[in-house]
Amino acid sequence: MSSYTRWQDIRAEHVARAGGEEAVQAGKEEMLAEVTGRRLAELRRARGLTQQEVADRMGVRGGDAASARGRPVVAVGREDGDGCRRDV
């Protein structure tokens, strides 16, 4: 007999405690967005770029990312030639 517990044997209990499958998925997405954002910030700083410089290179408005500091998800958009904002 093994002395460890298999995840498949206890997963349902933990998913229920977390609020269900949708809550688990939402938590995964939030965590991934935060990790991705932090990694992008590390890369930007390592290259000596400002948020505005990155936004300019991407063709997006830098204020969108800068104003969302501290939040795990950042909406990014681009203004096309007609002046309309498009999400990317």
Protein backbone atom coordinates (compact mmCIF):
# COMPACT_ATOMS: atom_id res chain seq x y z
CA MET A 1 0.00 0.00 0.00
CA SER A 2 1.38 3.39 -0.95
CA SER A 3 1.72 6.24 1.54
CA TYR A 4 0.76 9.05 -0.82
CA THR A 5 -2.59 10.46 -1.91
CA ARG A 6 -3.37 10.69 -5.60
CA TRP A 7 -4.64 14.05 -6.87
CA GLN A 8 -7.47 12.36 -8.75
CA ASP A 9 -8.75 10.98 -5.44
CA ILE A 10 -8.99 14.38 -3.72
CA ARG A 11 -9.45 16.82 -6.63
CA ALA A 12 -13.27 16.95 -6.54
CA GLU A 13 -13.27 17.99 -2.89
CA HIS A 14 -10.78 20.80 -3.52
CA VAL A 15 -12.58 22.01 -6.65
CA ALA A 16 -15.85 22.16 -4.71
CA ARG A 17 -14.16 24.06 -1.89
CA ALA A 18 -12.80 26.57 -4.43
CA GLY A 19 -16.28 27.23 -5.83
CA GLY A 20 -16.48 24.79 -8.74
CA GLU A 21 -14.76 24.23 -12.06
CA GLU A 22 -15.50 27.76 -13.32
CA ALA A 23 -13.89 29.31 -10.25
CA VAL A 24 -10.82 27.09 -10.65
CA GLN A 25 -10.52 28.05 -14.33
CA ALA A 26 -10.93 31.76 -13.51
CA GLY A 27 -8.22 31.45 -10.85
CA LYS A 28 -5.88 29.76 -13.31
CA GLU A 29 -6.44 32.50 -15.89
CA GLU A 30 -5.89 35.27 -13.33
CA MET A 31 -2.69 33.68 -12.09
CA LEU A 32 -1.38 33.15 -15.61
CA ALA A 33 -2.16 36.77 -16.53
CA GLU A 34 -0.29 38.02 -13.46
CA VAL A 35 2.75 35.83 -14.12
CA THR A 36 2.77 36.83 -17.79
CA GLY A 37 2.54 40.52 -16.88
CA ARG A 38 5.38 40.28 -14.40
CA ARG A 39 7.56 38.41 -16.91
CA LEU A 40 6.88 41.00 -19.61
CA ALA A 41 7.80 43.76 -17.15
CA GLU A 42 11.06 41.95 -16.32
CA LEU A 43 11.93 41.65 -20.00
CA ARG A 44 11.07 45.30 -20.66
CA ARG A 45 13.25 46.49 -17.78
CA ALA A 46 16.12 44.18 -18.80
CA ARG A 47 16.10 45.83 -22.22
CA GLY A 48 15.99 49.29 -20.71
CA LEU A 49 12.63 50.19 -22.27
CA THR A 50 9.86 52.31 -20.82
CA GLN A 51 6.22 51.26 -21.01
CA GLN A 52 5.66 54.05 -23.50
CA GLU A 53 8.48 52.80 -25.75
CA VAL A 54 7.02 49.29 -25.77
CA ALA A 55 3.55 50.67 -26.48
CA ASP A 56 4.90 52.77 -29.35
CA ARG A 57 6.62 49.72 -30.87
CA MET A 58 3.38 47.72 -30.56
CA GLY A 59 1.27 50.52 -31.97
CA VAL A 60 -0.91 50.82 -28.86
CA ARG A 61 -1.59 53.64 -26.44
CA GLY A 62 0.84 53.39 -23.53
CA GLY A 63 -1.52 54.91 -21.01
CA ASP A 64 -3.75 51.85 -21.21
CA ALA A 65 -1.05 49.62 -19.76
CA ALA A 66 0.45 52.19 -17.42
CA SER A 67 -2.88 53.10 -15.81
CA ALA A 68 -3.58 49.46 -15.00
CA ARG A 69 -0.51 49.04 -12.79
CA GLY A 70 -1.13 46.61 -9.97
CA ARG A 71 -3.89 44.71 -11.76
CA PRO A 72 -3.17 41.27 -13.20
CA VAL A 73 -4.94 41.80 -16.52
CA VAL A 74 -4.16 44.65 -18.90
CA ALA A 75 -6.41 45.45 -21.85
CA VAL A 76 -4.41 46.35 -24.91
CA GLY A 77 -5.83 48.10 -27.93
CA ARG A 78 -4.67 49.69 -31.12
CA GLU A 79 -5.94 52.73 -32.93
CA ASP A 80 -6.29 52.08 -36.64
CA GLY A 81 -6.00 54.75 -39.30
CA ASP A 82 -9.67 55.67 -38.91
CA GLY A 83 -9.12 56.66 -35.25
CA CYS A 84 -11.24 53.79 -33.94
CA ARG A 85 -9.82 51.70 -31.16
CA ARG A 86 -9.51 47.96 -31.77
CA ASP A 87 -8.73 45.38 -29.09
CA VAL A 88 -5.77 43.17 -29.91
